[in-house]
Amino acid sequence: MSDHTLPEPIKPRVLKRRKNPVFGFDYITTDGHYLASPQYASDPQGGRTTRISTWVLTDLRDPEQPPRYYPLLDDIRRLYCAPGGRVPWLICDMDDGVVRVEASRSAAVAWCRAHEGSSRVRFEHHPGSTAYEYFIGQRDEEASYFVMRADHAHQHGFDPLQQPLYPYPQDPHEQVDRNHAPSEESY
């Protein structure tokens, strides 16, 4: 095993604007984990202005968690969302969980092909599903991988923050042991 440094955990989501009858609008993460709502500044004559003074971030999966406050929506994007709005793609296995993280679906399939040493690929995608199942190799000996955007992984029973088995960008086929799992607080 080499002495590579593990990459930082991914940020598996982006913010999407949604209409809200109370606030006018707010933002929800594409994985449904967080809600960002505006808090409007107070008007000296009473009531509220139309100027947003802060953003309130609510953890929708853990109602016991107190809300967090951020001055700018960009602070929430920087701390909780995928850089540049580019959600990474995960390669997953039913037994091993997250196998690898790639920047695109085509890069994920290329890694699967290289890892299995086969150019033979077929896939299944069921209407309405957000995961693709790829079969690599000959039919009697093919390997199966699920490929999906990281913000959809929870819908398929995978933890997008799980350390991948093959995490290194510079050595893509070196497997590592999973001693611990990153948490939301790690970023």
N, C-alpha and C. Protein backbone atom coordinates (compact mmCIF):
# COMPACT_ATOMS: atom_id res chain seq x y z
N MET A 1 0.85 -1.19 0.00
CA MET A 1 0.00 0.00 0.00
C MET A 1 0.89 1.24 0.00
N SER A 2 0.54 2.21 -0.78
CA SER A 2 1.35 3.43 -0.87
C SER A 2 1.00 4.41 0.24
N ASP A 3 1.73 5.50 0.29
CA ASP A 3 1.50 6.51 1.32
C ASP A 3 0.71 7.71 0.77
N HIS A 4 -0.25 7.46 -0.11
CA HIS A 4 -1.07 8.53 -0.67
C HIS A 4 -1.93 9.17 0.42
N THR A 5 -2.21 10.44 0.22
CA THR A 5 -3.13 11.15 1.09
C THR A 5 -4.53 11.01 0.50
N LEU A 6 -5.47 10.66 1.36
CA LEU A 6 -6.85 10.51 0.90
C LEU A 6 -7.42 11.86 0.48
N PRO A 7 -8.18 11.90 -0.62
CA PRO A 7 -8.81 13.16 -1.01
C PRO A 7 -9.89 13.57 -0.01
N GLU A 8 -10.21 14.85 0.00
CA GLU A 8 -11.27 15.37 0.87
C GLU A 8 -12.60 14.71 0.51
N PRO A 9 -13.52 14.56 1.47
CA PRO A 9 -14.85 14.03 1.14
C PRO A 9 -15.54 14.95 0.13
N ILE A 10 -16.36 14.36 -0.71
CA ILE A 10 -17.07 15.14 -1.72
C ILE A 10 -18.20 15.93 -1.09
N LYS A 11 -18.69 16.90 -1.82
CA LYS A 11 -19.89 17.64 -1.42
C LYS A 11 -20.96 17.26 -2.43
N PRO A 12 -21.84 16.35 -2.06
CA PRO A 12 -22.72 15.69 -3.03
C PRO A 12 -24.04 16.39 -3.34
N ARG A 13 -24.04 17.70 -3.49
CA ARG A 13 -25.32 18.37 -3.71
C ARG A 13 -25.11 19.76 -4.30
N VAL A 14 -26.19 20.31 -4.84
CA VAL A 14 -26.25 21.71 -5.26
C VAL A 14 -27.56 22.29 -4.74
N LEU A 15 -27.64 23.61 -4.73
CA LEU A 15 -28.86 24.29 -4.30
C LEU A 15 -29.77 24.54 -5.49
N LYS A 16 -31.05 24.29 -5.29
CA LYS A 16 -32.07 24.57 -6.30
C LYS A 16 -33.10 25.52 -5.69
N ARG A 17 -33.42 26.57 -6.43
CA ARG A 17 -34.40 27.55 -5.96
C ARG A 17 -35.80 26.96 -6.05
N ARG A 18 -36.63 27.26 -5.05
CA ARG A 18 -38.03 26.82 -5.10
C ARG A 18 -38.92 27.92 -4.54
N LYS A 19 -40.12 27.96 -5.04
CA LYS A 19 -41.09 28.96 -4.60
C LYS A 19 -41.64 28.55 -3.24
N ASN A 20 -41.77 29.54 -2.37
CA ASN A 20 -42.26 29.30 -1.02
C ASN A 20 -43.31 30.36 -0.73
N PRO A 21 -44.53 29.97 -0.36
CA PRO A 21 -45.58 30.97 -0.13
C PRO A 21 -45.30 31.93 1.02
N VAL A 22 -44.47 31.54 1.98
CA VAL A 22 -44.18 32.39 3.13
C VAL A 22 -43.04 33.36 2.83
N PHE A 23 -41.92 32.83 2.31
CA PHE A 23 -40.73 33.65 2.11
C PHE A 23 -40.63 34.22 0.70
N GLY A 24 -41.46 33.79 -0.22
CA GLY A 24 -41.32 34.19 -1.62
C GLY A 24 -40.49 33.17 -2.38
N PHE A 25 -39.34 32.82 -1.83
CA PHE A 25 -38.51 31.77 -2.39
C PHE A 25 -37.53 31.30 -1.33
N ASP A 26 -37.06 30.09 -1.50
CA ASP A 26 -35.97 29.57 -0.69
C ASP A 26 -35.21 28.56 -1.55
N TYR A 27 -34.23 27.91 -0.98
CA TYR A 27 -33.42 26.95 -1.72
C TYR A 27 -33.39 25.63 -0.96
N ILE A 28 -33.41 24.54 -1.71
CA ILE A 28 -33.29 23.22 -1.12
C ILE A 28 -32.15 22.50 -1.86
N THR A 29 -31.42 21.68 -1.13
CA THR A 29 -30.35 20.93 -1.79
C THR A 29 -30.95 19.80 -2.62
N THR A 30 -30.28 19.44 -3.69
CA THR A 30 -30.80 18.43 -4.60
C THR A 30 -30.93 17.05 -3.97
N ASP A 31 -30.25 16.83 -2.85
CA ASP A 31 -30.41 15.54 -2.15
C ASP A 31 -31.48 15.63 -1.05
N GLY A 32 -32.12 16.80 -0.92
CA GLY A 32 -33.18 16.96 0.07
C GLY A 32 -32.69 17.04 1.50
N HIS A 33 -31.41 17.26 1.70
CA HIS A 33 -30.85 17.27 3.05
C HIS A 33 -31.00 18.62 3.76
N TYR A 34 -30.83 19.72 3.04
CA TYR A 34 -30.84 21.04 3.66
C TYR A 34 -31.83 21.98 2.98
N LEU A 35 -32.36 22.89 3.77
CA LEU A 35 -33.23 23.95 3.28
C LEU A 35 -32.60 25.28 3.69
N ALA A 36 -32.41 26.19 2.74
CA ALA A 36 -31.87 27.53 3.02
C ALA A 36 -32.99 28.53 2.78
N SER A 37 -33.37 29.25 3.84
CA SER A 37 -34.46 30.22 3.77
C SER A 37 -33.94 31.60 4.10
N PRO A 38 -34.44 32.62 3.41
CA PRO A 38 -33.99 33.97 3.71
C PRO A 38 -34.62 34.51 4.99
N GLN A 39 -33.87 35.33 5.69
CA GLN A 39 -34.41 36.06 6.83
C GLN A 39 -34.24 37.54 6.46
N TYR A 40 -35.35 38.25 6.43
CA TYR A 40 -35.34 39.63 5.95
C TYR A 40 -34.98 40.60 7.07
N ALA A 41 -34.34 41.69 6.68
CA ALA A 41 -33.93 42.72 7.63
C ALA A 41 -35.15 43.43 8.20
N SER A 42 -35.00 43.89 9.43
CA SER A 42 -36.08 44.65 10.08
C SER A 42 -36.13 46.07 9.54
N ASP A 43 -37.35 46.59 9.42
CA ASP A 43 -37.56 47.96 8.98
C ASP A 43 -37.61 48.84 10.23
N PRO A 44 -36.89 49.97 10.26
CA PRO A 44 -36.92 50.83 11.44
C PRO A 44 -38.33 51.32 11.81
N GLN A 45 -39.23 51.42 10.82
CA GLN A 45 -40.61 51.83 11.09
C GLN A 45 -41.49 50.65 11.51
N GLY A 46 -40.92 49.48 11.60
CA GLY A 46 -41.68 48.28 11.96
C GLY A 46 -41.83 47.35 10.77
N GLY A 47 -41.95 46.09 11.05
CA GLY A 47 -42.09 45.09 9.99
C GLY A 47 -40.75 44.68 9.41
N ARG A 48 -40.79 44.19 8.19
CA ARG A 48 -39.59 43.69 7.52
C ARG A 48 -39.39 44.41 6.19
N THR A 49 -38.14 44.48 5.75
CA THR A 49 -37.81 45.03 4.43
C THR A 49 -37.74 43.87 3.43
N THR A 50 -37.44 44.21 2.19
CA THR A 50 -37.25 43.16 1.18
C THR A 50 -35.78 42.78 1.05
N ARG A 51 -34.93 43.35 1.91
CA ARG A 51 -33.50 43.06 1.90
C ARG A 51 -33.22 41.86 2.81
N ILE A 52 -32.51 40.89 2.27
CA ILE A 52 -32.18 39.70 3.06
C ILE A 52 -31.00 40.02 3.96
N SER A 53 -31.18 39.78 5.27
CA SER A 53 -30.11 40.06 6.23
C SER A 53 -29.26 38.82 6.49
N THR A 54 -29.85 37.65 6.42
CA THR A 54 -29.12 36.41 6.67
C THR A 54 -29.88 35.23 6.07
N TRP A 55 -29.19 34.11 5.94
CA TRP A 55 -29.81 32.87 5.45
C TRP A 55 -29.83 31.85 6.57
N VAL A 56 -30.96 31.20 6.73
CA VAL A 56 -31.13 30.19 7.77
C VAL A 56 -31.05 28.82 7.10
N LEU A 57 -30.11 27.99 7.56
CA LEU A 57 -29.94 26.64 7.01
C LEU A 57 -30.52 25.63 7.98
N THR A 58 -31.49 24.85 7.50
CA THR A 58 -32.16 23.84 8.32
C THR A 58 -31.80 22.46 7.79
N ASP A 59 -31.42 21.57 8.71
CA ASP A 59 -31.13 20.18 8.37
C ASP A 59 -32.46 19.43 8.35
N LEU A 60 -32.93 19.06 7.17
CA LEU A 60 -34.24 18.41 7.04
C LEU A 60 -34.24 16.95 7.49
N ARG A 61 -33.06 16.35 7.58
CA ARG A 61 -32.98 14.94 7.99
C ARG A 61 -32.82 14.79 9.50
N ASP A 62 -32.44 15.86 10.17
CA ASP A 62 -32.26 15.80 11.62
C ASP A 62 -32.95 17.01 12.26
N PRO A 63 -34.24 16.88 12.59
CA PRO A 63 -34.98 18.02 13.14
C PRO A 63 -34.47 18.48 14.51
N GLU A 64 -33.69 17.66 15.19
CA GLU A 64 -33.12 18.05 16.49
C GLU A 64 -31.96 19.03 16.32
N GLN A 65 -31.37 19.07 15.14
CA GLN A 65 -30.24 19.96 14.85
C GLN A 65 -30.73 21.41 14.82
N PRO A 66 -30.11 22.30 15.60
CA PRO A 66 -30.54 23.71 15.54
C PRO A 66 -30.18 24.32 14.18
N PRO A 67 -30.97 25.32 13.74
CA PRO A 67 -30.65 25.96 12.45
C PRO A 67 -29.31 26.68 12.53
N ARG A 68 -28.68 26.82 11.38
CA ARG A 68 -27.41 27.55 11.28
C ARG A 68 -27.67 28.81 10.46
N TYR A 69 -26.93 29.87 10.76
CA TYR A 69 -27.15 31.16 10.12
C TYR A 69 -25.90 31.58 9.34
N TYR A 70 -26.12 32.04 8.12
CA TYR A 70 -25.02 32.47 7.25
C TYR A 70 -25.39 33.80 6.62
N PRO A 71 -24.43 34.73 6.51
CA PRO A 71 -24.74 36.03 5.94
C PRO A 71 -25.05 35.99 4.44
N LEU A 72 -24.42 35.06 3.72
CA LEU A 72 -24.60 34.98 2.27
C LEU A 72 -24.98 33.58 1.82
N LEU A 73 -25.79 33.51 0.80
CA LEU A 73 -26.14 32.22 0.21
C LEU A 73 -24.89 31.54 -0.35
N ASP A 74 -23.94 32.33 -0.84
CA ASP A 74 -22.69 31.76 -1.36
C ASP A 74 -21.89 31.06 -0.27
N ASP A 75 -22.04 31.49 0.99
CA ASP A 75 -21.37 30.78 2.10
C ASP A 75 -21.90 29.35 2.21
N ILE A 76 -23.20 29.20 2.06
CA ILE A 76 -23.82 27.87 2.12
C ILE A 76 -23.35 27.03 0.94
N ARG A 77 -23.33 27.63 -0.25
CA ARG A 77 -22.85 26.90 -1.43
C ARG A 77 -21.41 26.44 -1.23
N ARG A 78 -20.56 27.31 -0.72
CA ARG A 78 -19.15 26.98 -0.54
C ARG A 78 -18.95 25.87 0.49
N LEU A 79 -19.72 25.90 1.58
CA LEU A 79 -19.54 24.94 2.66
C LEU A 79 -20.24 23.60 2.45
N TYR A 80 -21.38 23.61 1.75
CA TYR A 80 -22.20 22.40 1.68
C TYR A 80 -22.40 21.83 0.28
N CYS A 81 -22.05 22.58 -0.75
CA CYS A 81 -22.40 22.15 -2.11
C CYS A 81 -21.17 21.86 -2.97
N ALA A 82 -21.39 21.10 -4.02
CA ALA A 82 -20.33 20.72 -4.95
C ALA A 82 -19.73 21.98 -5.59
N PRO A 83 -18.41 22.06 -5.66
CA PRO A 83 -17.77 23.23 -6.26
C PRO A 83 -18.22 23.43 -7.71
N GLY A 84 -18.55 24.67 -8.03
CA GLY A 84 -18.97 25.00 -9.38
C GLY A 84 -20.29 24.38 -9.80
N GLY A 85 -21.04 23.84 -8.84
CA GLY A 85 -22.32 23.21 -9.16
C GLY A 85 -22.19 21.89 -9.91
N ARG A 86 -21.00 21.32 -9.92
CA ARG A 86 -20.75 20.05 -10.63
C ARG A 86 -20.78 18.90 -9.63
N VAL A 87 -21.91 18.24 -9.55
CA VAL A 87 -22.06 17.12 -8.63
C VAL A 87 -21.29 15.93 -9.18
N PRO A 88 -20.43 15.32 -8.35
CA PRO A 88 -19.67 14.17 -8.84
C PRO A 88 -20.57 12.94 -9.04
N TRP A 89 -20.05 11.98 -9.77
CA TRP A 89 -20.74 10.72 -10.02
C TRP A 89 -20.08 9.63 -9.20
N LEU A 90 -20.90 8.71 -8.69
CA LEU A 90 -20.41 7.61 -7.87
C LEU A 90 -20.52 6.30 -8.63
N ILE A 91 -19.52 5.46 -8.42
CA ILE A 91 -19.57 4.08 -8.87
C ILE A 91 -19.80 3.27 -7.60
N CYS A 92 -20.89 2.51 -7.57
CA CYS A 92 -21.26 1.79 -6.36
C CYS A 92 -21.44 0.30 -6.65
N ASP A 93 -21.29 -0.48 -5.60
CA ASP A 93 -21.47 -1.93 -5.65
C ASP A 93 -22.38 -2.31 -4.49
N MET A 94 -23.26 -3.28 -4.70
CA MET A 94 -24.21 -3.67 -3.64
C MET A 94 -23.50 -4.15 -2.38
N ASP A 95 -22.37 -4.82 -2.51
CA ASP A 95 -21.66 -5.34 -1.35
C ASP A 95 -20.66 -4.34 -0.77
N ASP A 96 -19.98 -3.59 -1.63
CA ASP A 96 -18.90 -2.71 -1.19
C ASP A 96 -19.30 -1.26 -1.01
N GLY A 97 -20.50 -0.88 -1.39
CA GLY A 97 -20.91 0.51 -1.28
C GLY A 97 -20.23 1.36 -2.33
N VAL A 98 -19.73 2.54 -1.94
CA VAL A 98 -19.08 3.45 -2.88
C VAL A 98 -17.71 2.89 -3.25
N VAL A 99 -17.53 2.66 -4.53
CA VAL A 99 -16.28 2.10 -5.03
C VAL A 99 -15.34 3.21 -5.50
N ARG A 100 -15.90 4.21 -6.20
CA ARG A 100 -15.07 5.27 -6.77
C ARG A 100 -15.93 6.51 -7.02
N VAL A 101 -15.28 7.67 -7.01
CA VAL A 101 -15.91 8.96 -7.34
C VAL A 101 -15.27 9.48 -8.62
N GLU A 102 -16.09 9.89 -9.57
CA GLU A 102 -15.59 10.46 -10.83
C GLU A 102 -16.36 11.74 -11.14
N ALA A 103 -15.81 12.56 -12.02
CA ALA A 103 -16.40 13.85 -12.34
C ALA A 103 -17.62 13.74 -13.27
N SER A 104 -17.71 12.66 -14.04
CA SER A 104 -18.81 12.52 -14.99
C SER A 104 -19.20 11.05 -15.13
N ARG A 105 -20.35 10.82 -15.74
CA ARG A 105 -20.79 9.46 -15.96
C ARG A 105 -19.85 8.74 -16.94
N SER A 106 -19.42 9.43 -17.98
CA SER A 106 -18.52 8.79 -18.94
C SER A 106 -17.18 8.45 -18.30
N ALA A 107 -16.67 9.31 -17.41
CA ALA A 107 -15.43 8.99 -16.70
C ALA A 107 -15.63 7.79 -15.78
N ALA A 108 -16.81 7.69 -15.18
CA ALA A 108 -17.12 6.54 -14.31
C ALA A 108 -17.12 5.24 -15.10
N VAL A 109 -17.74 5.26 -16.26
CA VAL A 109 -17.78 4.06 -17.10
C VAL A 109 -16.38 3.70 -17.59
N ALA A 110 -15.59 4.71 -17.95
CA ALA A 110 -14.21 4.46 -18.38
C ALA A 110 -13.41 3.80 -17.27
N TRP A 111 -13.60 4.26 -16.03
CA TRP A 111 -12.89 3.64 -14.90
C TRP A 111 -13.33 2.18 -14.75
N CYS A 112 -14.63 1.90 -14.82
CA CYS A 112 -15.14 0.53 -14.70
C CYS A 112 -14.52 -0.37 -15.77
N ARG A 113 -14.48 0.11 -17.00
CA ARG A 113 -13.90 -0.67 -18.10
C ARG A 113 -12.43 -0.96 -17.84
N ALA A 114 -11.67 0.06 -17.43
CA ALA A 114 -10.25 -0.13 -17.16
C ALA A 114 -10.04 -1.05 -15.97
N HIS A 115 -10.86 -0.89 -14.96
CA HIS A 115 -10.72 -1.71 -13.75
C HIS A 115 -10.99 -3.18 -14.03
N GLU A 116 -11.97 -3.45 -14.87
CA GLU A 116 -12.32 -4.83 -15.21
C GLU A 116 -11.52 -5.35 -16.40
N GLY A 117 -10.78 -4.47 -17.08
CA GLY A 117 -9.97 -4.89 -18.21
C GLY A 117 -10.78 -5.39 -19.39
N SER A 118 -11.91 -4.75 -19.63
CA SER A 118 -12.79 -5.19 -20.71
C SER A 118 -13.40 -3.99 -21.41
N SER A 119 -13.52 -4.11 -22.73
CA SER A 119 -14.18 -3.05 -23.48
C SER A 119 -15.66 -3.37 -23.70
N ARG A 120 -16.08 -4.54 -23.28
CA ARG A 120 -17.48 -4.96 -23.46
C ARG A 120 -18.34 -4.35 -22.34
N VAL A 121 -19.30 -3.52 -22.74
CA VAL A 121 -20.14 -2.82 -21.76
C VAL A 121 -21.59 -2.88 -22.23
N ARG A 122 -22.48 -3.15 -21.30
CA ARG A 122 -23.90 -2.96 -21.55
C ARG A 122 -24.48 -2.34 -20.29
N PHE A 123 -25.60 -1.63 -20.44
CA PHE A 123 -26.19 -1.01 -19.26
C PHE A 123 -27.69 -1.10 -19.30
N GLU A 124 -28.27 -0.95 -18.11
CA GLU A 124 -29.72 -0.90 -17.96
C GLU A 124 -30.06 0.38 -17.22
N HIS A 125 -31.12 1.01 -17.68
CA HIS A 125 -31.62 2.21 -17.01
C HIS A 125 -33.15 2.13 -17.05
N HIS A 126 -33.75 2.06 -15.91
CA HIS A 126 -35.19 1.95 -15.82
C HIS A 126 -35.82 3.35 -15.81
N PRO A 127 -36.90 3.56 -16.55
CA PRO A 127 -37.56 4.88 -16.58
C PRO A 127 -37.88 5.36 -15.16
N GLY A 128 -37.53 6.60 -14.89
CA GLY A 128 -37.78 7.19 -13.58
C GLY A 128 -36.65 6.97 -12.59
N SER A 129 -35.74 6.07 -12.88
CA SER A 129 -34.62 5.81 -11.98
C SER A 129 -33.53 6.85 -12.20
N THR A 130 -32.74 7.11 -11.18
CA THR A 130 -31.62 8.03 -11.30
C THR A 130 -30.29 7.30 -11.26
N ALA A 131 -30.32 5.97 -11.38
CA ALA A 131 -29.09 5.17 -11.39
C ALA A 131 -29.02 4.36 -12.67
N TYR A 132 -27.82 4.14 -13.13
CA TYR A 132 -27.55 3.30 -14.30
C TYR A 132 -26.80 2.07 -13.81
N GLU A 133 -27.19 0.90 -14.26
CA GLU A 133 -26.46 -0.31 -13.91
C GLU A 133 -25.64 -0.74 -15.12
N TYR A 134 -24.32 -0.80 -14.93
CA TYR A 134 -23.41 -1.18 -16.00
C TYR A 134 -22.89 -2.59 -15.75
N PHE A 135 -22.85 -3.36 -16.84
CA PHE A 135 -22.31 -4.72 -16.80
C PHE A 135 -21.06 -4.71 -17.68
N ILE A 136 -19.93 -5.07 -17.10
CA ILE A 136 -18.65 -5.01 -17.79
C ILE A 136 -18.13 -6.43 -17.96
N GLY A 137 -17.74 -6.80 -19.17
CA GLY A 137 -17.16 -8.10 -19.44
C GLY A 137 -18.12 -9.02 -20.17
N GLN A 138 -17.73 -10.28 -20.28
CA GLN A 138 -18.55 -11.29 -20.95
C GLN A 138 -19.74 -11.64 -20.07
N ARG A 139 -20.86 -12.00 -20.68
CA ARG A 139 -22.10 -12.25 -19.95
C ARG A 139 -21.96 -13.26 -18.82
N ASP A 140 -21.18 -14.31 -18.99
CA ASP A 140 -21.07 -15.31 -17.92
C ASP A 140 -20.09 -14.91 -16.82
N GLU A 141 -19.29 -13.87 -17.06
CA GLU A 141 -18.31 -13.43 -16.05
C GLU A 141 -18.33 -11.92 -15.85
N GLU A 142 -19.45 -11.28 -16.11
CA GLU A 142 -19.46 -9.82 -16.06
C GLU A 142 -19.57 -9.29 -14.63
N ALA A 143 -18.95 -8.13 -14.45
CA ALA A 143 -19.05 -7.40 -13.18
C ALA A 143 -20.17 -6.37 -13.32
N SER A 144 -20.82 -6.06 -12.22
CA SER A 144 -21.93 -5.12 -12.23
C SER A 144 -21.62 -3.94 -11.33
N TYR A 145 -21.86 -2.73 -11.84
CA TYR A 145 -21.67 -1.50 -11.06
C TYR A 145 -22.89 -0.60 -11.26
N PHE A 146 -23.24 0.13 -10.21
CA PHE A 146 -24.27 1.16 -10.30
C PHE A 146 -23.55 2.50 -10.41
N VAL A 147 -23.97 3.33 -11.35
CA VAL A 147 -23.38 4.65 -11.56
C VAL A 147 -24.50 5.67 -11.41
N MET A 148 -24.26 6.67 -10.55
CA MET A 148 -25.30 7.67 -10.27
C MET A 148 -24.67 8.97 -9.79
N ARG A 149 -25.43 10.06 -9.96
CA ARG A 149 -24.97 11.33 -9.38
C ARG A 149 -24.96 11.20 -7.87
N ALA A 150 -23.99 11.84 -7.23
CA ALA A 150 -23.84 11.73 -5.78
C ALA A 150 -25.07 12.23 -5.02
N ASP A 151 -25.79 13.22 -5.56
CA ASP A 151 -26.96 13.73 -4.84
C ASP A 151 -28.16 12.81 -4.95
N HIS A 152 -28.06 11.73 -5.71
CA HIS A 152 -29.15 10.76 -5.82
C HIS A 152 -28.82 9.46 -5.09
N ALA A 153 -27.61 9.34 -4.55
CA ALA A 153 -27.15 8.09 -3.95
C ALA A 153 -28.04 7.64 -2.79
N HIS A 154 -28.48 8.58 -1.96
CA HIS A 154 -29.30 8.22 -0.80
C HIS A 154 -30.62 7.56 -1.23
N GLN A 155 -31.12 7.90 -2.42
CA GLN A 155 -32.37 7.29 -2.92
C GLN A 155 -32.19 5.81 -3.24
N HIS A 156 -30.94 5.40 -3.43
CA HIS A 156 -30.64 4.02 -3.80
C HIS A 156 -29.96 3.25 -2.67
N GLY A 157 -29.94 3.84 -1.48
CA GLY A 157 -29.38 3.16 -0.31
C GLY A 157 -27.88 3.28 -0.14
N PHE A 158 -27.24 4.22 -0.84
CA PHE A 158 -25.79 4.41 -0.71
C PHE A 158 -25.51 5.72 0.01
N ASP A 159 -24.41 5.75 0.77
CA ASP A 159 -23.98 6.94 1.47
C ASP A 159 -22.95 7.66 0.61
N PRO A 160 -23.27 8.83 0.06
CA PRO A 160 -22.32 9.50 -0.83
C PRO A 160 -21.05 9.97 -0.14
N LEU A 161 -21.07 10.03 1.20
CA LEU A 161 -19.87 10.45 1.93
C LEU A 161 -18.99 9.29 2.37
N GLN A 162 -19.40 8.05 2.04
CA GLN A 162 -18.58 6.90 2.38
C GLN A 162 -17.25 6.99 1.63
N GLN A 163 -16.17 6.68 2.32
CA GLN A 163 -14.87 6.69 1.66
C GLN A 163 -14.86 5.64 0.55
N PRO A 164 -14.51 6.02 -0.67
CA PRO A 164 -14.48 5.05 -1.77
C PRO A 164 -13.38 4.01 -1.55
N LEU A 165 -13.59 2.83 -2.10
CA LEU A 165 -12.56 1.78 -2.03
C LEU A 165 -11.34 2.16 -2.86
N TYR A 166 -11.54 2.90 -3.93
CA TYR A 166 -10.46 3.32 -4.82
C TYR A 166 -10.47 4.84 -4.90
N PRO A 167 -9.90 5.52 -3.90
CA PRO A 167 -10.08 6.97 -3.79
C PRO A 167 -9.05 7.84 -4.51
N TYR A 168 -7.91 7.28 -4.92
CA TYR A 168 -6.80 8.13 -5.37
C TYR A 168 -6.91 8.53 -6.84
N PRO A 169 -6.89 9.83 -7.12
CA PRO A 169 -6.91 10.28 -8.51
C PRO A 169 -5.64 9.85 -9.26
N GLN A 170 -4.48 9.89 -8.59
CA GLN A 170 -3.22 9.58 -9.24
C GLN A 170 -2.95 8.07 -9.35
N ASP A 171 -3.69 7.26 -8.61
CA ASP A 171 -3.53 5.80 -8.65
C ASP A 171 -4.93 5.18 -8.58
N PRO A 172 -5.68 5.25 -9.69
CA PRO A 172 -7.12 4.95 -9.65
C PRO A 172 -7.52 3.51 -9.34
N HIS A 173 -6.59 2.57 -9.36
CA HIS A 173 -6.96 1.17 -9.12
C HIS A 173 -6.33 0.62 -7.84
N GLU A 174 -5.84 1.51 -6.98
CA GLU A 174 -5.31 1.08 -5.69
C GLU A 174 -6.42 1.10 -4.65
N GLN A 175 -6.66 -0.06 -4.06
CA GLN A 175 -7.72 -0.20 -3.07
C GLN A 175 -7.19 0.17 -1.69
N VAL A 176 -8.03 0.80 -0.86
CA VAL A 176 -7.66 1.16 0.51
C VAL A 176 -8.63 0.51 1.48
N ASP A 177 -8.21 0.43 2.74
CA ASP A 177 -9.09 -0.05 3.81
C ASP A 177 -9.96 1.11 4.27
N ARG A 178 -11.18 0.79 4.64
CA ARG A 178 -12.07 1.81 5.20
C ARG A 178 -12.04 1.69 6.71
N ASN A 179 -11.35 2.61 7.35
CA ASN A 179 -11.28 2.58 8.81
C ASN A 179 -12.34 3.46 9.45
N HIS A 180 -12.75 4.48 8.74
CA HIS A 180 -13.75 5.40 9.28
C HIS A 180 -14.51 6.01 8.12
N ALA A 181 -15.67 6.52 8.44
CA ALA A 181 -16.49 7.18 7.42
C ALA A 181 -16.52 8.67 7.72
N PRO A 182 -16.39 9.52 6.70
CA PRO A 182 -16.48 10.96 6.95
C PRO A 182 -17.90 11.34 7.35
N SER A 183 -17.99 12.45 8.02
CA SER A 183 -19.32 12.91 8.46
C SER A 183 -19.61 14.26 7.81
N GLU A 184 -20.85 14.69 7.94
CA GLU A 184 -21.26 15.99 7.41
C GLU A 184 -20.41 17.11 8.01
N GLU A 185 -19.98 16.95 9.24
CA GLU A 185 -19.23 17.99 9.92
C GLU A 185 -17.82 18.13 9.38
N SER A 186 -17.35 17.18 8.55
CA SER A 186 -15.99 17.24 8.05
C SER A 186 -15.82 18.32 6.99
N TYR A 187 -16.92 18.90 6.54
CA TYR A 187 -16.77 20.03 5.60
C TYR A 187 -17.70 21.12 5.94
